[in-house]
Each structure stands twice: as C-alpha cells, then as structure tokens.
N, C-alpha and C. Protein backbone atom coordinates (compact mmCIF):
# COMPACT_ATOMS: atom_id res chain seq x y z
N ASP A 1 -26.05 60.27 -14.06
CA ASP A 1 -27.48 60.74 -14.17
C ASP A 1 -27.95 60.69 -15.62
N GLN A 2 -27.34 59.93 -16.55
CA GLN A 2 -27.44 60.09 -17.90
C GLN A 2 -28.90 60.31 -18.19
N GLY A 3 -29.21 61.11 -19.05
CA GLY A 3 -30.69 61.18 -19.49
C GLY A 3 -30.81 61.67 -20.90
N TYR A 4 -31.82 61.88 -21.36
CA TYR A 4 -32.22 62.42 -22.70
C TYR A 4 -33.24 63.42 -22.92
N GLU A 5 -33.25 64.18 -23.61
CA GLU A 5 -34.25 65.14 -24.16
C GLU A 5 -34.96 64.89 -25.62
N MET A 6 -35.92 65.11 -25.51
CA MET A 6 -36.62 64.94 -27.37
C MET A 6 -37.57 66.09 -27.47
N LEU A 7 -37.66 66.67 -28.37
CA LEU A 7 -38.59 67.92 -28.73
C LEU A 7 -39.40 67.36 -30.06
N PHE A 8 -40.54 67.72 -29.99
CA PHE A 8 -41.48 67.20 -31.01
C PHE A 8 -42.18 68.80 -31.32
N ARG A 9 -42.44 68.86 -32.77
CA ARG A 9 -43.22 69.97 -33.19
C ARG A 9 -44.42 69.20 -33.96
N VAL A 10 -45.83 69.64 -33.64
CA VAL A 10 -46.81 69.37 -34.01
C VAL A 10 -47.75 70.40 -34.11
N ALA A 11 -48.66 70.20 -35.34
CA ALA A 11 -49.72 70.95 -35.40
C ALA A 11 -51.02 70.27 -35.22
N THR A 12 -52.07 70.88 -34.79
CA THR A 12 -53.52 70.32 -34.97
C THR A 12 -53.94 70.52 -36.27
N GLY A 13 -54.76 69.80 -36.62
CA GLY A 13 -55.69 69.81 -37.77
C GLY A 13 -56.74 71.05 -38.03
N VAL A 14 -57.43 71.30 -38.69
CA VAL A 14 -58.35 72.31 -38.56
C VAL A 14 -59.91 71.77 -37.81
N ASP A 15 -60.03 70.45 -37.68
CA ASP A 15 -61.00 69.77 -36.73
C ASP A 15 -60.38 68.79 -35.62
N ILE A 16 -60.54 69.12 -34.39
CA ILE A 16 -59.58 68.64 -33.16
C ILE A 16 -60.85 67.70 -32.52
N SER A 17 -62.11 67.64 -33.15
CA SER A 17 -63.13 66.79 -32.42
C SER A 17 -62.72 65.52 -32.83
N GLU A 18 -63.48 65.01 -31.71
CA GLU A 18 -63.46 63.16 -31.91
C GLU A 18 -62.22 62.41 -32.23
N GLN A 19 -61.14 62.72 -31.55
CA GLN A 19 -59.95 62.23 -32.07
C GLN A 19 -59.05 62.00 -30.60
N ARG A 20 -58.08 61.24 -30.64
CA ARG A 20 -57.05 61.35 -29.71
C ARG A 20 -55.52 61.38 -30.07
N LEU A 21 -54.95 62.06 -29.97
CA LEU A 21 -53.25 62.28 -30.45
C LEU A 21 -52.57 62.13 -29.20
N TRP A 22 -51.29 61.28 -29.27
CA TRP A 22 -50.52 61.01 -28.44
C TRP A 22 -49.10 61.22 -29.05
N VAL A 23 -48.24 61.81 -28.47
CA VAL A 23 -46.68 62.35 -28.71
C VAL A 23 -45.86 61.93 -27.35
N GLY A 24 -44.72 61.29 -27.81
CA GLY A 24 -44.24 60.72 -26.86
C GLY A 24 -43.20 59.37 -26.91
N VAL A 25 -42.75 58.96 -25.93
CA VAL A 25 -42.08 57.48 -25.99
C VAL A 25 -42.64 56.48 -25.53
N PHE A 26 -42.89 55.27 -26.07
CA PHE A 26 -43.82 54.30 -25.49
C PHE A 26 -43.12 52.62 -25.90
N GLU A 27 -43.61 51.94 -25.27
CA GLU A 27 -42.78 50.50 -25.36
C GLU A 27 -43.80 50.05 -26.89
N THR A 28 -44.95 50.32 -27.12
CA THR A 28 -45.87 49.92 -28.35
C THR A 28 -46.47 51.17 -28.76
N SER A 29 -46.96 51.04 -29.70
CA SER A 29 -48.01 52.18 -30.24
C SER A 29 -49.27 52.39 -29.06
N PRO A 30 -49.64 53.58 -28.94
CA PRO A 30 -50.49 53.80 -27.73
C PRO A 30 -51.83 54.29 -28.43
N ASN A 31 -51.76 54.15 -29.59
CA ASN A 31 -53.22 54.92 -30.23
C ASN A 31 -54.48 53.91 -30.10
N ALA A 32 -54.32 52.81 -29.20
CA ALA A 32 -55.65 52.12 -29.06
C ALA A 32 -56.45 52.52 -27.57
N THR A 33 -55.87 53.37 -26.69
CA THR A 33 -56.52 53.37 -25.43
C THR A 33 -56.01 54.86 -24.99
N ASN A 34 -56.89 55.61 -24.17
CA ASN A 34 -56.24 56.75 -23.54
C ASN A 34 -55.51 56.57 -22.27
N THR A 35 -55.32 55.23 -21.82
CA THR A 35 -54.56 54.78 -20.75
C THR A 35 -53.78 53.57 -20.92
N PRO A 36 -52.75 53.69 -21.85
CA PRO A 36 -52.03 52.55 -21.99
C PRO A 36 -51.68 51.92 -20.78
N LEU A 37 -51.43 50.50 -20.84
CA LEU A 37 -50.86 49.81 -19.76
C LEU A 37 -49.47 49.36 -20.14
N GLN A 38 -48.81 50.03 -20.14
CA GLN A 38 -47.20 50.37 -20.77
C GLN A 38 -46.15 50.72 -19.75
N ASN A 39 -45.07 50.72 -19.96
CA ASN A 39 -44.08 52.09 -19.91
C ASN A 39 -44.08 52.96 -20.84
N PHE A 40 -44.33 54.20 -20.38
CA PHE A 40 -44.26 55.27 -21.53
C PHE A 40 -44.14 56.77 -20.95
N ILE A 41 -43.94 57.82 -21.35
CA ILE A 41 -44.09 58.92 -21.21
C ILE A 41 -44.62 59.74 -22.47
N GLY A 42 -45.74 60.50 -21.97
CA GLY A 42 -46.30 61.23 -23.37
C GLY A 42 -47.18 62.26 -22.94
N PHE A 43 -47.16 62.93 -24.10
CA PHE A 43 -48.53 64.12 -24.21
C PHE A 43 -49.82 63.59 -24.87
N ARG A 44 -50.80 63.57 -24.27
CA ARG A 44 -51.99 63.12 -24.81
C ARG A 44 -53.13 64.55 -24.89
N TYR A 45 -53.87 64.10 -26.13
CA TYR A 45 -55.26 65.13 -26.12
C TYR A 45 -56.00 64.10 -26.66
N SER A 46 -57.25 63.87 -26.01
CA SER A 46 -58.29 63.04 -26.31
C SER A 46 -59.66 63.50 -26.19
N ASN A 47 -60.39 64.30 -26.94
CA ASN A 47 -61.53 64.86 -26.74
C ASN A 47 -62.73 64.17 -26.83
N ALA A 48 -62.34 62.93 -27.67
CA ALA A 48 -63.60 62.11 -28.11
C ALA A 48 -64.64 62.13 -27.26
N THR A 49 -66.00 62.19 -27.50
CA THR A 49 -67.14 61.88 -26.54
C THR A 49 -67.23 60.12 -26.46
N ALA A 50 -67.16 59.30 -27.44
CA ALA A 50 -67.26 58.02 -27.49
C ALA A 50 -65.87 57.39 -27.49
N GLY A 51 -65.49 57.22 -26.51
CA GLY A 51 -63.88 56.29 -26.11
C GLY A 51 -63.04 57.48 -25.83
N GLY A 52 -63.29 58.39 -25.62
CA GLY A 52 -62.05 59.86 -25.45
C GLY A 52 -62.18 59.91 -23.98
N SER A 53 -61.49 61.03 -23.26
CA SER A 53 -61.53 61.28 -22.12
C SER A 53 -62.08 62.92 -21.63
N GLY A 54 -62.52 63.39 -23.00
CA GLY A 54 -63.07 64.70 -22.97
C GLY A 54 -62.12 65.83 -22.35
N ASP A 55 -60.70 65.43 -23.06
CA ASP A 55 -59.78 66.54 -22.94
C ASP A 55 -60.12 67.68 -23.81
N THR A 56 -59.71 68.69 -22.82
CA THR A 56 -59.58 70.03 -23.75
C THR A 56 -58.19 70.98 -23.71
N THR A 57 -57.39 69.93 -22.88
CA THR A 57 -56.05 70.55 -22.71
C THR A 57 -54.67 69.49 -22.80
N TRP A 58 -53.80 69.81 -23.04
CA TRP A 58 -52.76 68.80 -23.01
C TRP A 58 -52.68 68.00 -21.96
N LYS A 59 -52.56 66.64 -21.50
CA LYS A 59 -52.30 65.89 -20.50
C LYS A 59 -50.76 65.15 -20.60
N CYS A 60 -49.96 65.56 -19.54
CA CYS A 60 -48.73 65.08 -19.30
C CYS A 60 -48.92 63.97 -18.45
N ILE A 61 -48.33 62.67 -19.08
CA ILE A 61 -48.44 61.04 -18.55
C ILE A 61 -47.34 60.38 -18.75
N THR A 62 -47.23 59.89 -17.37
CA THR A 62 -46.27 58.79 -17.09
C THR A 62 -46.85 57.27 -16.88
N GLY A 63 -46.22 56.34 -17.30
CA GLY A 63 -46.81 54.78 -16.90
C GLY A 63 -45.54 53.99 -16.83
N ASP A 64 -45.88 52.90 -15.78
CA ASP A 64 -44.89 52.21 -15.69
C ASP A 64 -45.16 50.75 -15.89
N GLY A 65 -46.23 50.80 -16.71
CA GLY A 65 -46.68 49.27 -16.94
C GLY A 65 -47.72 48.62 -16.15
N ALA A 66 -48.07 49.30 -15.04
CA ALA A 66 -49.17 48.88 -14.17
C ALA A 66 -49.96 50.07 -13.64
N ALA A 67 -49.44 51.19 -13.87
CA ALA A 67 -50.24 52.38 -13.53
C ALA A 67 -49.85 53.58 -14.26
N ARG A 68 -50.51 54.68 -13.91
CA ARG A 68 -50.31 55.91 -14.61
C ARG A 68 -50.44 57.12 -13.74
N THR A 69 -49.67 58.32 -14.02
CA THR A 69 -49.75 59.50 -13.42
C THR A 69 -50.04 60.50 -14.55
N ILE A 70 -51.21 61.11 -14.35
CA ILE A 70 -51.69 62.05 -15.11
C ILE A 70 -51.59 63.66 -14.44
N THR A 71 -51.18 64.45 -15.44
CA THR A 71 -51.04 65.83 -14.84
C THR A 71 -51.81 66.71 -16.11
N ASP A 72 -52.51 67.42 -15.56
CA ASP A 72 -53.24 68.57 -16.65
C ASP A 72 -52.33 69.68 -16.55
N SER A 73 -52.13 69.88 -17.83
CA SER A 73 -51.08 70.96 -18.31
C SER A 73 -51.62 72.29 -18.13
N THR A 74 -53.20 72.38 -18.34
CA THR A 74 -54.02 73.60 -18.11
C THR A 74 -53.53 74.44 -19.67
N ILE A 75 -52.63 73.89 -20.60
CA ILE A 75 -52.41 74.52 -21.94
C ILE A 75 -53.62 73.88 -22.79
N ALA A 76 -54.53 74.76 -23.43
CA ALA A 76 -55.31 74.19 -24.21
C ALA A 76 -55.37 73.88 -25.45
N VAL A 77 -55.61 72.98 -26.18
CA VAL A 77 -55.47 72.33 -27.59
C VAL A 77 -56.42 73.23 -28.33
N THR A 78 -55.95 73.96 -29.40
CA THR A 78 -57.01 74.37 -30.12
C THR A 78 -56.70 73.94 -31.73
N ALA A 79 -57.48 74.39 -32.55
CA ALA A 79 -57.40 73.62 -34.13
C ALA A 79 -56.47 74.54 -34.69
N ASP A 80 -55.87 73.94 -35.72
CA ASP A 80 -54.87 74.69 -36.54
C ASP A 80 -53.85 75.44 -35.94
N THR A 81 -53.07 74.87 -35.01
CA THR A 81 -52.08 75.49 -34.08
C THR A 81 -50.93 74.66 -34.01
N SER A 82 -49.74 75.35 -33.89
CA SER A 82 -48.54 74.53 -33.67
C SER A 82 -48.15 74.46 -32.12
N TYR A 83 -47.71 73.42 -31.72
CA TYR A 83 -47.10 72.90 -30.38
C TYR A 83 -45.64 72.62 -30.42
N ASN A 84 -44.79 73.03 -29.49
CA ASN A 84 -43.50 72.61 -29.28
C ASN A 84 -43.62 71.66 -27.81
N LEU A 85 -43.50 70.41 -27.88
CA LEU A 85 -43.85 69.54 -26.85
C LEU A 85 -42.15 68.81 -26.61
N ARG A 86 -41.90 69.01 -25.49
CA ARG A 86 -40.35 68.53 -24.95
C ARG A 86 -40.34 67.53 -24.13
N LEU A 87 -39.74 66.53 -23.90
CA LEU A 87 -39.51 65.63 -22.92
C LEU A 87 -38.07 65.68 -22.30
N ARG A 88 -37.61 66.01 -21.14
CA ARG A 88 -36.39 65.87 -20.32
C ARG A 88 -36.47 64.66 -19.40
N VAL A 89 -35.79 63.78 -19.65
CA VAL A 89 -36.02 62.43 -19.02
C VAL A 89 -34.59 62.13 -18.30
N THR A 90 -34.30 61.83 -17.00
CA THR A 90 -33.58 60.98 -16.23
C THR A 90 -33.95 59.94 -15.63
N ALA A 91 -33.15 59.06 -15.05
CA ALA A 91 -33.78 57.77 -14.13
C ALA A 91 -34.87 58.29 -13.08
N THR A 92 -34.90 59.26 -12.52
CA THR A 92 -35.78 59.70 -11.48
C THR A 92 -36.37 60.83 -11.82
N THR A 93 -36.52 61.65 -12.89
CA THR A 93 -37.49 62.65 -13.05
C THR A 93 -37.59 62.54 -14.73
N VAL A 94 -38.90 63.17 -14.84
CA VAL A 94 -39.41 63.47 -16.33
C VAL A 94 -39.99 64.86 -16.04
N THR A 95 -39.45 65.84 -17.12
CA THR A 95 -39.82 67.15 -17.23
C THR A 95 -40.73 67.10 -18.61
N PHE A 96 -42.00 67.56 -18.33
CA PHE A 96 -42.85 67.74 -19.93
C PHE A 96 -42.76 69.43 -19.90
N ILE A 97 -42.40 69.64 -21.07
CA ILE A 97 -42.22 71.17 -21.68
C ILE A 97 -43.00 71.61 -22.73
N LEU A 98 -43.94 72.35 -22.61
CA LEU A 98 -44.84 72.91 -23.72
C LEU A 98 -44.33 73.99 -24.06
N GLY A 99 -43.81 74.54 -25.18
CA GLY A 99 -43.33 75.91 -25.60
C GLY A 99 -42.40 75.99 -25.84
N MET A 100 -41.87 77.05 -26.20
CA MET A 100 -40.10 77.55 -26.34
C MET A 100 -40.13 78.73 -25.34
N PRO A 101 -38.68 78.93 -24.84
CA PRO A 101 -38.55 80.20 -24.35
C PRO A 101 -38.87 81.47 -25.46
N ASN A 102 -39.50 82.14 -24.62
CA ASN A 102 -39.41 83.77 -25.33
C ASN A 102 -40.34 83.40 -26.93
N VAL A 103 -41.29 82.59 -26.90
CA VAL A 103 -41.89 82.28 -28.09
C VAL A 103 -43.42 82.58 -27.60
N GLY A 104 -44.16 83.06 -28.29
CA GLY A 104 -45.82 83.34 -27.72
C GLY A 104 -45.94 83.10 -26.41
N ALA A 105 -46.57 82.49 -25.92
CA ALA A 105 -46.75 82.43 -24.37
C ALA A 105 -45.95 82.07 -23.51
N GLY A 106 -44.71 81.51 -24.20
CA GLY A 106 -43.38 81.24 -23.32
C GLY A 106 -43.49 79.69 -23.19
N THR A 107 -42.71 79.23 -21.99
CA THR A 107 -42.63 77.75 -21.88
C THR A 107 -43.00 77.71 -20.64
N PHE A 108 -44.02 76.54 -20.39
CA PHE A 108 -44.59 75.88 -19.24
C PHE A 108 -44.05 74.48 -18.97
N SER A 109 -43.73 74.06 -17.73
CA SER A 109 -43.18 72.94 -17.34
C SER A 109 -44.00 71.95 -16.11
N PHE A 110 -43.82 71.17 -16.36
CA PHE A 110 -44.67 70.06 -15.45
C PHE A 110 -43.82 69.04 -15.21
N THR A 111 -43.19 68.39 -13.65
CA THR A 111 -42.26 67.43 -13.71
C THR A 111 -42.99 66.07 -12.93
N HIS A 112 -42.59 64.88 -13.32
CA HIS A 112 -43.04 63.91 -12.40
C HIS A 112 -41.83 63.18 -11.93
N THR A 113 -41.73 62.91 -10.63
CA THR A 113 -40.69 62.27 -10.33
C THR A 113 -40.59 60.78 -9.74
N THR A 114 -39.64 60.32 -8.86
CA THR A 114 -40.10 58.90 -8.41
C THR A 114 -41.22 58.50 -7.72
N GLY A 115 -42.15 57.54 -7.88
CA GLY A 115 -43.35 57.50 -6.99
C GLY A 115 -44.56 57.98 -7.93
N GLN A 116 -44.48 58.42 -9.23
CA GLN A 116 -45.12 59.07 -10.10
C GLN A 116 -45.17 58.11 -11.15
N ASN A 117 -45.03 56.81 -11.18
CA ASN A 117 -45.34 55.85 -12.23
C ASN A 117 -44.45 56.22 -13.57
N LEU A 118 -43.04 56.27 -13.26
CA LEU A 118 -42.10 56.50 -14.12
C LEU A 118 -41.62 55.48 -14.56
N PRO A 119 -41.52 55.22 -15.95
CA PRO A 119 -41.24 54.05 -16.84
C PRO A 119 -39.87 53.51 -16.38
N THR A 120 -39.79 52.07 -16.27
CA THR A 120 -38.54 51.53 -15.98
C THR A 120 -37.21 52.04 -16.82
N SER A 121 -36.09 52.53 -16.17
CA SER A 121 -35.08 53.68 -17.03
C SER A 121 -34.37 52.53 -17.98
N THR A 122 -34.33 51.36 -17.74
CA THR A 122 -33.48 50.31 -18.62
C THR A 122 -34.06 49.91 -19.85
N LEU A 123 -35.38 50.29 -20.06
CA LEU A 123 -36.41 49.94 -21.15
C LEU A 123 -35.87 51.04 -22.47
N ARG A 124 -35.94 50.40 -23.51
CA ARG A 124 -36.02 51.34 -24.71
C ARG A 124 -37.02 51.56 -25.23
N LEU A 125 -37.43 52.93 -24.77
CA LEU A 125 -38.69 53.29 -25.54
C LEU A 125 -38.64 53.84 -26.78
N LYS A 126 -39.54 54.05 -27.64
CA LYS A 126 -39.58 54.41 -29.15
C LYS A 126 -40.46 55.59 -29.33
N ALA A 127 -40.08 56.48 -30.02
CA ALA A 127 -40.74 57.68 -30.17
C ALA A 127 -42.04 57.37 -31.01
N PHE A 128 -43.26 58.03 -30.94
CA PHE A 128 -44.46 57.87 -31.34
C PHE A 128 -45.55 58.86 -31.43
N ILE A 129 -45.88 59.29 -32.49
CA ILE A 129 -46.72 60.38 -32.68
C ILE A 129 -48.01 59.79 -33.36
N ARG A 130 -49.03 59.66 -32.97
CA ARG A 130 -50.19 58.95 -33.14
C ARG A 130 -51.45 59.46 -32.98
N ILE A 131 -52.32 59.41 -34.02
CA ILE A 131 -53.68 60.13 -33.85
C ILE A 131 -54.79 59.02 -34.41
N THR A 132 -55.88 59.01 -33.66
CA THR A 132 -56.69 57.86 -33.90
C THR A 132 -57.99 58.55 -33.97
N ALA A 133 -58.66 58.48 -34.87
CA ALA A 133 -60.17 59.16 -35.21
C ALA A 133 -61.11 58.22 -34.40
N MET A 134 -61.73 58.95 -33.57
CA MET A 134 -63.06 58.09 -32.72
C MET A 134 -64.44 58.46 -33.46
N SER A 135 -64.38 58.43 -34.70
CA SER A 135 -65.61 58.63 -35.41
C SER A 135 -65.55 58.40 -36.68
N ASN A 136 -66.30 58.41 -37.81
CA ASN A 136 -66.16 57.96 -39.20
C ASN A 136 -65.39 59.33 -40.07
N SER A 137 -65.07 60.38 -39.36
CA SER A 137 -64.51 61.33 -40.20
C SER A 137 -63.09 61.19 -40.08
N ALA A 138 -62.38 61.62 -41.17
CA ALA A 138 -60.79 61.89 -41.10
C ALA A 138 -60.55 62.89 -39.84
N ARG A 139 -59.51 62.49 -39.39
CA ARG A 139 -58.84 63.35 -38.47
C ARG A 139 -57.12 63.76 -38.91
N SER A 140 -56.66 64.87 -38.88
CA SER A 140 -55.23 64.75 -39.16
C SER A 140 -54.31 66.08 -38.20
N PHE A 141 -53.17 65.94 -38.50
CA PHE A 141 -52.34 66.78 -37.81
C PHE A 141 -51.24 66.75 -38.36
N LEU A 142 -50.22 67.79 -38.31
CA LEU A 142 -49.00 67.95 -39.06
C LEU A 142 -47.94 67.77 -38.32
N PHE A 143 -46.64 66.86 -38.57
CA PHE A 143 -45.87 66.64 -38.02
C PHE A 143 -44.54 67.47 -38.37
N GLY A 144 -43.78 68.19 -37.97
CA GLY A 144 -42.97 69.33 -38.33
C GLY A 144 -41.41 68.94 -38.00
N THR A 145 -41.12 68.69 -36.45
CA THR A 145 -39.70 68.40 -36.44
C THR A 145 -39.87 67.18 -35.10
N PHE A 146 -38.56 66.41 -35.15
CA PHE A 146 -38.53 65.54 -33.92
C PHE A 146 -36.92 65.72 -34.13
N ASN A 147 -36.49 65.99 -32.60
CA ASN A 147 -35.06 66.13 -32.38
C ASN A 147 -34.82 65.11 -31.04
N ALA A 148 -33.80 64.35 -30.87
CA ALA A 148 -33.35 63.66 -29.72
C ALA A 148 -32.05 64.09 -29.36
N LEU A 149 -31.77 64.34 -28.04
CA LEU A 149 -30.21 64.50 -27.57
C LEU A 149 -30.12 63.67 -26.50
N THR A 150 -29.11 62.99 -26.24
CA THR A 150 -28.56 62.36 -24.94
C THR A 150 -27.51 63.14 -24.32
N ARG A 151 -27.53 63.00 -23.07
CA ARG A 151 -26.40 63.46 -22.44
C ARG A 151 -25.75 62.38 -21.32
C-alpha cells in the first residue's frame, strides 16, 4: 500500500475577502472554479460573494474526475495567519491534516476513503498552490514550505 505525504505551509494575506485559495495535488490548475471536474486532493478556501462558495473554514476535498466529496474542516481561515496543511495519501485513503502536533491548537485530521470520490491512484497529480482574486483588488498569500515524502 505505497503512498505519499505532502506538507504545505502557507500564510494568508492581510485581506482574505473575495478570493479563492487552493492547496493540494491536481491534474491541472484548479484556480478557475470552486469545484474542479478533475482528479484531485485539496484544501480550499473560497469566500468570495461573486463566484465563491462563501467559505469561512478550510474545506477538504477529493475529486475523481466525475464528482467530488467536500468535508468542512471547521478550522476557521483568518487573515495574516500561517497554516500547516498536510495530505497523507494511499490507494484507498486520503487523510487531510491541519496543524502540527503540539503546535498552537494541535492537529486536526479528516479522512476520505473508497467511495468518497478519491482520485485514480495511477494518475500523476501535481502540486498546486493557487489564489484567484474574485474582485478587482489584488490578493496575496505567502508560501513557506513544500515537502513531499513517498513510502
């Protein structure tokens, strides 16, 4: 049951309104939509009133090219804040991990399994960190770390 683990460290900008932020692994760039119709595993924050999902928390999402499973992490996204976002992936399970053990509020995890629109395990997904401004105002985030480990 070979798999991989990825760690992304990102920090939100000072203004998190009217934006869509994706962090994860995808077939192609997810920045054009809140619900990509592709194989992917990702964290989403999309709070825009025009074209957004009205998110206030990180969403944990898997997609198999035909449908998606969305889990609300209940972890609020706040301005000017760092987040450790991890993905542990096997052929039958995806675990979304927010935070690091013994740091801040600790670690929260959410799991998607077979039947919850997992991507095809034989596809080569690529890491993406994307932000889309949903208004005419610039939006930003900071990207600090990306680590990938296969086992």
